[in-house]
């Protein structure tokens, strides 16, 4: 007697690698992304009808993170605007999945900070003073800050010295400790440092555009659309809390044009 075995097709598994760089401590970066990535995998699994698994690949700095996406070492990534512009120049097939929302808008603030008791009152007062930048590829920590300094008549020639410290928290801490007279960092990190007792204050604030989440050029269009659908529909505050409290909005390359202009302008620094 022959036994008839009916084989049921196994559910396929889609394995994705998420990439980012450590703008803050690597351990904090993992803790920050894990809840959202787990949620995203679950939602995409429902949409696609296949099991989606997401693992993380954290780059040591901005440049390495850009390399990972440009080479296809990661499938999708969360970058700052300047890093997006840089990677898009290397591979124009990279696509914006979604942009983070700030109360329904696409703009938020960066700051140039000084010590709390500093007598510096304007950007022009920074002549002959020292300055701390973030990463050489940072939107706030370099390009936008340098563009505004140039507008105030301050270039590298007017400063007594400057350095790139990498992370935003290192910039704020160094300014608070008096190692530099001023430094550029994102507003959210500035507020955290002040709450922790770091003696700094805002000298100047400026607009930045929110971060894009990017898909590698070789991502399956169906996977990209499922990811976009899941992200734009996300409203759970527990899931969004450490990533984008106000959720996501649709975005386009044109949203980043003013950063492109600032990057070109900063060449005169």
C-alpha atoms as a PDB file:
ATOM      1  CA  UNK A   1       0.000   0.000   0.000  1.00  0.00           C
ATOM      2  CA  UNK A   2       1.413   3.337  -1.036  1.00  0.00           C
ATOM      3  CA  UNK A   3       1.176   6.278   1.317  1.00  0.00           C
ATOM      4  CA  UNK A   4       0.311   9.599  -0.275  1.00  0.00           C
ATOM      5  CA  UNK A   5       2.247  12.446   1.270  1.00  0.00           C
ATOM      6  CA  UNK A   6       0.911  15.920   0.631  1.00  0.00           C
ATOM      7  CA  UNK A   7       3.627  18.517   0.954  1.00  0.00           C
ATOM      8  CA  UNK A   8       2.544  21.961   2.027  1.00  0.00           C
ATOM      9  CA  UNK A   9       4.808  24.772   0.908  1.00  0.00           C
ATOM     10  CA  UNK A  10       6.849  26.233   3.742  1.00  0.00           C
ATOM     11  CA  UNK A  11       6.470  29.900   4.489  1.00  0.00           C
ATOM     12  CA  UNK A  12       9.410  31.783   3.034  1.00  0.00           C
ATOM     13  CA  UNK A  13      11.636  33.809   5.326  1.00  0.00           C
ATOM     14  CA  UNK A  14      12.765  37.272   4.323  1.00  0.00           C
ATOM     15  CA  UNK A  15      15.950  38.274   6.089  1.00  0.00           C
ATOM     16  CA  UNK A  16      16.778  41.973   6.185  1.00  0.00           C
ATOM     17  CA  UNK A  17      19.730  43.853   7.628  1.00  0.00           C
ATOM     18  CA  UNK A  18      19.145  47.297   9.100  1.00  0.00           C
ATOM     19  CA  UNK A  19      22.097  49.665   9.167  1.00  0.00           C
ATOM     20  CA  UNK A  20      22.864  52.825  11.063  1.00  0.00           C
ATOM     21  CA  UNK A  21      25.842  54.539  12.629  1.00  0.00           C
ATOM     22  CA  UNK A  22      26.419  55.193  16.305  1.00  0.00           C
ATOM     23  CA  UNK A  23      25.592  58.879  16.724  1.00  0.00           C
ATOM     24  CA  UNK A  24      25.456  58.080  20.446  1.00  0.00           C
ATOM     25  CA  UNK A  25      26.859  55.129  22.418  1.00  0.00           C
ATOM     26  CA  UNK A  26      26.504  51.804  20.502  1.00  0.00           C
ATOM     27  CA  UNK A  27      24.681  50.151  23.410  1.00  0.00           C
ATOM     28  CA  UNK A  28      22.209  53.025  23.456  1.00  0.00           C
ATOM     29  CA  UNK A  29      21.794  52.678  19.690  1.00  0.00           C
ATOM     30  CA  UNK A  30      20.776  49.000  19.973  1.00  0.00           C
ATOM     31  CA  UNK A  31      18.343  49.743  22.798  1.00  0.00           C
ATOM     32  CA  UNK A  32      16.892  52.584  20.778  1.00  0.00           C
ATOM     33  CA  UNK A  33      16.117  50.627  17.616  1.00  0.00           C
ATOM     34  CA  UNK A  34      15.269  47.126  18.837  1.00  0.00           C
ATOM     35  CA  UNK A  35      11.578  47.651  19.770  1.00  0.00           C
ATOM     36  CA  UNK A  36      10.775  49.383  16.497  1.00  0.00           C
ATOM     37  CA  UNK A  37      12.625  46.874  14.319  1.00  0.00           C
ATOM     38  CA  UNK A  38      10.838  43.975  16.033  1.00  0.00           C
ATOM     39  CA  UNK A  39       7.502  45.690  15.429  1.00  0.00           C
ATOM     40  CA  UNK A  40       8.381  46.457  11.801  1.00  0.00           C
ATOM     41  CA  UNK A  41       9.299  42.815  11.160  1.00  0.00           C
ATOM     42  CA  UNK A  42       5.951  41.649  12.579  1.00  0.00           C
ATOM     43  CA  UNK A  43       3.911  44.122  10.545  1.00  0.00           C
ATOM     44  CA  UNK A  44       5.776  43.373   7.325  1.00  0.00           C
ATOM     45  CA  UNK A  45       5.264  39.646   7.910  1.00  0.00           C
ATOM     46  CA  UNK A  46       1.507  40.203   7.992  1.00  0.00           C
ATOM     47  CA  UNK A  47       1.535  42.375   4.859  1.00  0.00           C
ATOM     48  CA  UNK A  48       3.794  40.085   2.842  1.00  0.00           C
ATOM     49  CA  UNK A  49       2.528  36.755   4.125  1.00  0.00           C
ATOM     50  CA  UNK A  50       6.110  35.657   4.726  1.00  0.00           C
ATOM     51  CA  UNK A  51       8.238  35.630   7.862  1.00  0.00           C
ATOM     52  CA  UNK A  52      10.380  38.784   8.057  1.00  0.00           C
ATOM     53  CA  UNK A  53      13.481  38.817  10.237  1.00  0.00           C
ATOM     54  CA  UNK A  54      15.538  41.958  10.819  1.00  0.00           C
ATOM     55  CA  UNK A  55      18.997  42.129  12.310  1.00  0.00           C
ATOM     56  CA  UNK A  56      21.154  45.193  12.950  1.00  0.00           C
ATOM     57  CA  UNK A  57      24.535  46.249  11.642  1.00  0.00           C
ATOM     58  CA  UNK A  58      25.921  49.289  13.461  1.00  0.00           C
ATOM     59  CA  UNK A  59      28.703  51.177  11.705  1.00  0.00           C
ATOM     60  CA  UNK A  60      31.476  52.762  13.748  1.00  0.00           C
ATOM     61  CA  UNK A  61      30.973  56.129  12.061  1.00  0.00           C
ATOM     62  CA  UNK A  62      28.997  57.941   9.375  1.00  0.00           C
ATOM     63  CA  UNK A  63      31.398  57.066   6.554  1.00  0.00           C
ATOM     64  CA  UNK A  64      31.285  53.334   7.288  1.00  0.00           C
ATOM     65  CA  UNK A  65      27.481  53.452   7.463  1.00  0.00           C
ATOM     66  CA  UNK A  66      27.333  55.108   4.059  1.00  0.00           C
ATOM     67  CA  UNK A  67      29.651  52.444   2.634  1.00  0.00           C
ATOM     68  CA  UNK A  68      27.426  49.665   4.009  1.00  0.00           C
ATOM     69  CA  UNK A  69      24.328  50.989   2.206  1.00  0.00           C
ATOM     70  CA  UNK A  70      26.119  51.941  -1.009  1.00  0.00           C
ATOM     71  CA  UNK A  71      27.678  48.462  -1.270  1.00  0.00           C
ATOM     72  CA  UNK A  72      24.449  46.678  -0.361  1.00  0.00           C
ATOM     73  CA  UNK A  73      25.866  45.289   2.889  1.00  0.00           C
ATOM     74  CA  UNK A  74      22.624  46.417   4.537  1.00  0.00           C
ATOM     75  CA  UNK A  75      19.112  46.383   3.074  1.00  0.00           C
ATOM     76  CA  UNK A  76      17.807  49.547   4.664  1.00  0.00           C
ATOM     77  CA  UNK A  77      19.117  52.280   6.902  1.00  0.00           C
ATOM     78  CA  UNK A  78      18.311  55.362   8.911  1.00  0.00           C
ATOM     79  CA  UNK A  79      20.608  58.252   7.982  1.00  0.00           C
ATOM     80  CA  UNK A  80      20.942  61.938   8.608  1.00  0.00           C
ATOM     81  CA  UNK A  81      20.233  64.240   5.647  1.00  0.00           C
ATOM     82  CA  UNK A  82      23.878  64.846   4.698  1.00  0.00           C
ATOM     83  CA  UNK A  83      24.629  61.127   4.749  1.00  0.00           C
ATOM     84  CA  UNK A  84      21.595  60.517   2.532  1.00  0.00           C
ATOM     85  CA  UNK A  85      22.793  63.110   0.041  1.00  0.00           C
ATOM     86  CA  UNK A  86      26.279  61.583   0.062  1.00  0.00           C
ATOM     87  CA  UNK A  87      25.081  57.997  -0.456  1.00  0.00           C
ATOM     88  CA  UNK A  88      22.581  59.086  -3.128  1.00  0.00           C
ATOM     89  CA  UNK A  89      25.448  60.620  -5.095  1.00  0.00           C
ATOM     90  CA  UNK A  90      27.121  57.197  -5.040  1.00  0.00           C
ATOM     91  CA  UNK A  91      23.984  55.217  -5.902  1.00  0.00           C
ATOM     92  CA  UNK A  92      20.987  57.095  -7.287  1.00  0.00           C
ATOM     93  CA  UNK A  93      18.936  53.894  -7.063  1.00  0.00           C
ATOM     94  CA  UNK A  94      18.652  54.268  -3.285  1.00  0.00           C
ATOM     95  CA  UNK A  95      15.073  55.158  -2.353  1.00  0.00           C
ATOM     96  CA  UNK A  96      13.430  56.984   0.540  1.00  0.00           C
ATOM     97  CA  UNK A  97      11.071  54.623   2.365  1.00  0.00           C
ATOM     98  CA  UNK A  98       9.683  57.322   4.669  1.00  0.00           C
ATOM     99  CA  UNK A  99      10.742  60.380   6.646  1.00  0.00           C
ATOM    100  CA  UNK A 100      10.405  60.862  10.372  1.00  0.00           C
ATOM    101  CA  UNK A 101       7.743  63.298  11.485  1.00  0.00           C
ATOM    102  CA  UNK A 102       8.107  66.092  14.001  1.00  0.00           C
ATOM    103  CA  UNK A 103       4.533  66.935  14.974  1.00  0.00           C
ATOM    104  CA  UNK A 104       3.460  66.392  11.387  1.00  0.00           C
ATOM    105  CA  UNK A 105       6.349  68.425   9.996  1.00  0.00           C
ATOM    106  CA  UNK A 106       9.685  67.583   8.416  1.00  0.00           C
ATOM    107  CA  UNK A 107      11.865  70.134  10.207  1.00  0.00           C
ATOM    108  CA  UNK A 108      13.495  70.247  13.650  1.00  0.00           C
ATOM    109  CA  UNK A 109      16.304  72.161  15.339  1.00  0.00           C
ATOM    110  CA  UNK A 110      20.036  71.938  15.654  1.00  0.00           C
ATOM    111  CA  UNK A 111      21.934  74.195  18.037  1.00  0.00           C
ATOM    112  CA  UNK A 112      25.286  75.819  18.527  1.00  0.00           C
ATOM    113  CA  UNK A 113      25.949  75.731  22.258  1.00  0.00           C
ATOM    114  CA  UNK A 114      28.351  77.527  24.604  1.00  0.00           C
ATOM    115  CA  UNK A 115      29.069  77.183  28.307  1.00  0.00           C
ATOM    116  CA  UNK A 116      26.199  78.340  30.490  1.00  0.00           C
ATOM    117  CA  UNK A 117      28.187  81.255  31.936  1.00  0.00           C
ATOM    118  CA  UNK A 118      29.910  82.238  28.682  1.00  0.00           C
ATOM    119  CA  UNK A 119      29.889  85.907  27.713  1.00  0.00           C
ATOM    120  CA  UNK A 120      29.589  84.987  24.014  1.00  0.00           C
ATOM    121  CA  UNK A 121      26.288  86.368  22.722  1.00  0.00           C
ATOM    122  CA  UNK A 122      26.386  85.928  18.934  1.00  0.00           C
ATOM    123  CA  UNK A 123      28.065  83.801  16.286  1.00  0.00           C
ATOM    124  CA  UNK A 124      30.309  86.697  15.333  1.00  0.00           C
ATOM    125  CA  UNK A 125      31.686  86.646  18.904  1.00  0.00           C
ATOM    126  CA  UNK A 126      33.253  83.281  18.085  1.00  0.00           C
ATOM    127  CA  UNK A 127      36.109  84.947  16.233  1.00  0.00           C
ATOM    128  CA  UNK A 128      39.434  83.722  17.687  1.00  0.00           C
ATOM    129  CA  UNK A 129      37.609  81.074  19.741  1.00  0.00           C
ATOM    130  CA  UNK A 130      37.688  77.251  19.541  1.00  0.00           C
ATOM    131  CA  UNK A 131      34.851  75.150  18.111  1.00  0.00           C
ATOM    132  CA  UNK A 132      33.775  71.502  18.391  1.00  0.00           C
ATOM    133  CA  UNK A 133      32.041  69.862  15.429  1.00  0.00           C
ATOM    134  CA  UNK A 134      30.483  66.392  15.370  1.00  0.00           C
ATOM    135  CA  UNK A 135      31.258  63.921  12.624  1.00  0.00           C
ATOM    136  CA  UNK A 136      32.782  65.246   9.373  1.00  0.00           C
ATOM    137  CA  UNK A 137      29.660  63.945   7.575  1.00  0.00           C
ATOM    138  CA  UNK A 138      27.117  65.197  10.128  1.00  0.00           C
ATOM    139  CA  UNK A 139      24.309  67.454   8.875  1.00  0.00           C
ATOM    140  CA  UNK A 140      24.001  69.426  12.120  1.00  0.00           C
ATOM    141  CA  UNK A 141      27.428  68.708  13.529  1.00  0.00           C
ATOM    142  CA  UNK A 142      29.228  69.989  10.457  1.00  0.00           C
ATOM    143  CA  UNK A 143      27.514  71.186   7.290  1.00  0.00           C
ATOM    144  CA  UNK A 144      24.640  73.313   8.614  1.00  0.00           C
ATOM    145  CA  UNK A 145      26.741  74.680  11.479  1.00  0.00           C
ATOM    146  CA  UNK A 146      29.574  75.667   9.142  1.00  0.00           C
ATOM    147  CA  UNK A 147      27.136  77.270   6.701  1.00  0.00           C
ATOM    148  CA  UNK A 148      25.681  79.474   9.457  1.00  0.00           C
ATOM    149  CA  UNK A 149      29.138  80.337  10.781  1.00  0.00           C
ATOM    150  CA  UNK A 150      30.174  81.482   7.301  1.00  0.00           C
ATOM    151  CA  UNK A 151      27.062  83.678   7.106  1.00  0.00           C
ATOM    152  CA  UNK A 152      28.183  85.285  10.390  1.00  0.00           C
ATOM    153  CA  UNK A 153      31.668  85.950   9.009  1.00  0.00           C
ATOM    154  CA  UNK A 154      33.333  83.052  10.805  1.00  0.00           C
ATOM    155  CA  UNK A 155      35.415  80.586   8.806  1.00  0.00           C
ATOM    156  CA  UNK A 156      38.205  78.252   9.895  1.00  0.00           C
ATOM    157  CA  UNK A 157      40.614  81.164   9.489  1.00  0.00           C
ATOM    158  CA  UNK A 158      38.774  83.206  12.128  1.00  0.00           C
ATOM    159  CA  UNK A 159      38.690  80.395  14.707  1.00  0.00           C
ATOM    160  CA  UNK A 160      41.603  79.706  17.043  1.00  0.00           C
ATOM    161  CA  UNK A 161      41.059  76.014  16.316  1.00  0.00           C
ATOM    162  CA  UNK A 162      38.436  73.333  15.770  1.00  0.00           C
ATOM    163  CA  UNK A 163      38.033  69.567  15.965  1.00  0.00           C
ATOM    164  CA  UNK A 164      35.583  66.871  14.911  1.00  0.00           C
ATOM    165  CA  UNK A 165      34.568  64.875  17.990  1.00  0.00           C
ATOM    166  CA  UNK A 166      32.175  62.414  16.344  1.00  0.00           C
ATOM    167  CA  UNK A 167      29.093  62.023  18.524  1.00  0.00           C
ATOM    168  CA  UNK A 168      26.721  64.820  19.507  1.00  0.00           C
ATOM    169  CA  UNK A 169      26.969  63.990  23.210  1.00  0.00           C
ATOM    170  CA  UNK A 170      30.766  64.276  23.106  1.00  0.00           C
ATOM    171  CA  UNK A 171      30.474  67.752  21.592  1.00  0.00           C
ATOM    172  CA  UNK A 172      28.092  69.004  24.285  1.00  0.00           C
ATOM    173  CA  UNK A 173      30.127  67.469  27.092  1.00  0.00           C
ATOM    174  CA  UNK A 174      33.366  68.970  25.775  1.00  0.00           C
ATOM    175  CA  UNK A 175      31.828  72.449  25.544  1.00  0.00           C
ATOM    176  CA  UNK A 176      30.402  72.120  29.044  1.00  0.00           C
ATOM    177  CA  UNK A 177      33.836  71.138  30.354  1.00  0.00           C
ATOM    178  CA  UNK A 178      35.391  74.221  28.752  1.00  0.00           C
ATOM    179  CA  UNK A 179      37.535  72.338  26.242  1.00  0.00           C
ATOM    180  CA  UNK A 180      35.912  74.342  23.446  1.00  0.00           C
ATOM    181  CA  UNK A 181      34.120  77.669  23.505  1.00  0.00           C
ATOM    182  CA  UNK A 182      31.261  76.425  21.327  1.00  0.00           C
ATOM    183  CA  UNK A 183      29.994  73.352  19.498  1.00  0.00           C
ATOM    184  CA  UNK A 184      27.220  72.094  17.233  1.00  0.00           C
ATOM    185  CA  UNK A 185      24.800  69.338  18.240  1.00  0.00           C
ATOM    186  CA  UNK A 186      21.200  68.254  17.821  1.00  0.00           C
ATOM    187  CA  UNK A 187      18.634  69.875  20.092  1.00  0.00           C
ATOM    188  CA  UNK A 188      17.429  66.593  21.623  1.00  0.00           C
ATOM    189  CA  UNK A 189      20.949  65.678  22.769  1.00  0.00           C
ATOM    190  CA  UNK A 190      21.459  69.225  24.069  1.00  0.00           C
ATOM    191  CA  UNK A 191      18.331  68.909  26.229  1.00  0.00           C
ATOM    192  CA  UNK A 192      19.401  65.517  27.601  1.00  0.00           C
ATOM    193  CA  UNK A 193      22.810  66.891  28.563  1.00  0.00           C
ATOM    194  CA  UNK A 194      21.303  69.934  30.292  1.00  0.00           C
ATOM    195  CA  UNK A 195      18.959  67.643  32.231  1.00  0.00           C
ATOM    196  CA  UNK A 196      22.018  65.612  33.275  1.00  0.00           C
ATOM    197  CA  UNK A 197      23.683  68.771  34.617  1.00  0.00           C
ATOM    198  CA  UNK A 198      26.052  69.678  31.784  1.00  0.00           C
ATOM    199  CA  UNK A 199      26.462  73.490  31.992  1.00  0.00           C
ATOM    200  CA  UNK A 200      25.673  74.587  28.427  1.00  0.00           C
ATOM    201  CA  UNK A 201      23.191  76.982  26.814  1.00  0.00           C
ATOM    202  CA  UNK A 202      21.967  77.689  23.302  1.00  0.00           C
ATOM    203  CA  UNK A 203      23.816  80.420  21.433  1.00  0.00           C
ATOM    204  CA  UNK A 204      22.142  79.875  18.061  1.00  0.00           C
ATOM    205  CA  UNK A 205      19.503  77.506  16.707  1.00  0.00           C
ATOM    206  CA  UNK A 206      18.808  76.522  13.127  1.00  0.00           C
ATOM    207  CA  UNK A 207      16.534  74.313  11.049  1.00  0.00           C
ATOM    208  CA  UNK A 208      17.346  70.804   9.972  1.00  0.00           C
ATOM    209  CA  UNK A 209      15.204  68.328   8.060  1.00  0.00           C
ATOM    210  CA  UNK A 210      14.149  65.032   9.627  1.00  0.00           C
ATOM    211  CA  UNK A 211      15.919  61.763   8.965  1.00  0.00           C
ATOM    212  CA  UNK A 212      15.026  59.567   6.001  1.00  0.00           C
ATOM    213  CA  UNK A 213      14.807  55.782   6.182  1.00  0.00           C
ATOM    214  CA  UNK A 214      16.409  54.436   3.036  1.00  0.00           C
ATOM    215  CA  UNK A 215      16.150  51.250   1.002  1.00  0.00           C
ATOM    216  CA  UNK A 216      19.137  49.830  -0.846  1.00  0.00           C
ATOM    217  CA  UNK A 217      18.825  49.999  -4.623  1.00  0.00           C
ATOM    218  CA  UNK A 218      18.450  46.224  -4.915  1.00  0.00           C
ATOM    219  CA  UNK A 219      15.579  45.875  -2.436  1.00  0.00           C
ATOM    220  CA  UNK A 220      12.593  43.962  -3.832  1.00  0.00           C
ATOM    221  CA  UNK A 221       9.905  46.588  -4.667  1.00  0.00           C
ATOM    222  CA  UNK A 222       7.257  44.506  -2.861  1.00  0.00           C
ATOM    223  CA  UNK A 223       9.377  44.492   0.302  1.00  0.00           C
ATOM    224  CA  UNK A 224       9.960  48.240   0.020  1.00  0.00           C
ATOM    225  CA  UNK A 225       6.233  48.937  -0.373  1.00  0.00           C
ATOM    226  CA  UNK A 226       5.402  46.705   2.601  1.00  0.00           C
ATOM    227  CA  UNK A 227       7.985  48.519   4.708  1.00  0.00           C
ATOM    228  CA  UNK A 228       6.603  51.911   3.691  1.00  0.00           C
ATOM    229  CA  UNK A 229       3.027  50.803   4.393  1.00  0.00           C
ATOM    230  CA  UNK A 230       3.972  49.513   7.838  1.00  0.00           C
ATOM    231  CA  UNK A 231       5.964  52.618   8.759  1.00  0.00           C
ATOM    232  CA  UNK A 232       3.375  55.151   7.614  1.00  0.00           C
ATOM    233  CA  UNK A 233       0.676  53.265   9.553  1.00  0.00           C
ATOM    234  CA  UNK A 234       2.651  53.095  12.807  1.00  0.00           C
ATOM    235  CA  UNK A 235       0.938  54.966  15.649  1.00  0.00           C
ATOM    236  CA  UNK A 236       1.798  52.921  18.763  1.00  0.00           C
ATOM    237  CA  UNK A 237       3.625  55.337  21.116  1.00  0.00           C
ATOM    238  CA  UNK A 238       5.511  52.511  22.832  1.00  0.00           C
ATOM    239  CA  UNK A 239       6.953  51.441  19.487  1.00  0.00           C
ATOM    240  CA  UNK A 240       7.720  54.938  18.259  1.00  0.00           C
ATOM    241  CA  UNK A 241       8.979  56.425  21.518  1.00  0.00           C
ATOM    242  CA  UNK A 242      12.728  56.114  20.938  1.00  0.00           C
ATOM    243  CA  UNK A 243      12.663  56.498  17.148  1.00  0.00           C
ATOM    244  CA  UNK A 244      10.098  58.997  15.902  1.00  0.00           C
ATOM    245  CA  UNK A 245       7.522  59.939  18.519  1.00  0.00           C
ATOM    246  CA  UNK A 246       5.269  61.508  15.913  1.00  0.00           C
ATOM    247  CA  UNK A 247       5.517  58.687  13.411  1.00  0.00           C
ATOM    248  CA  UNK A 248       6.439  58.883   9.749  1.00  0.00           C
ATOM    249  CA  UNK A 249       5.464  60.845   6.667  1.00  0.00           C
ATOM    250  CA  UNK A 250       6.088  60.377   2.977  1.00  0.00           C
ATOM    251  CA  UNK A 251       9.221  62.055   1.695  1.00  0.00           C
ATOM    252  CA  UNK A 252      11.046  62.921  -1.506  1.00  0.00           C
ATOM    253  CA  UNK A 253      14.554  63.816  -2.571  1.00  0.00           C
ATOM    254  CA  UNK A 254      13.513  67.474  -2.947  1.00  0.00           C
ATOM    255  CA  UNK A 255      12.954  67.700   0.839  1.00  0.00           C
ATOM    256  CA  UNK A 256      16.743  67.688   1.202  1.00  0.00           C
ATOM    257  CA  UNK A 257      17.629  70.409  -1.317  1.00  0.00           C
ATOM    258  CA  UNK A 258      18.374  73.065   1.310  1.00  0.00           C
ATOM    259  CA  UNK A 259      20.859  70.713   2.973  1.00  0.00           C
ATOM    260  CA  UNK A 260      22.540  70.199  -0.416  1.00  0.00           C
ATOM    261  CA  UNK A 261      22.924  73.970  -0.677  1.00  0.00           C
ATOM    262  CA  UNK A 262      24.399  74.169   2.843  1.00  0.00           C
ATOM    263  CA  UNK A 263      26.878  71.396   2.054  1.00  0.00           C
ATOM    264  CA  UNK A 264      28.115  73.321  -0.981  1.00  0.00           C
ATOM    265  CA  UNK A 265      28.229  76.558   1.024  1.00  0.00           C
ATOM    266  CA  UNK A 266      30.247  74.913   3.802  1.00  0.00           C
ATOM    267  CA  UNK A 267      33.050  74.238   1.321  1.00  0.00           C
ATOM    268  CA  UNK A 268      34.072  77.847   1.962  1.00  0.00           C
ATOM    269  CA  UNK A 269      34.659  77.145   5.647  1.00  0.00           C
END
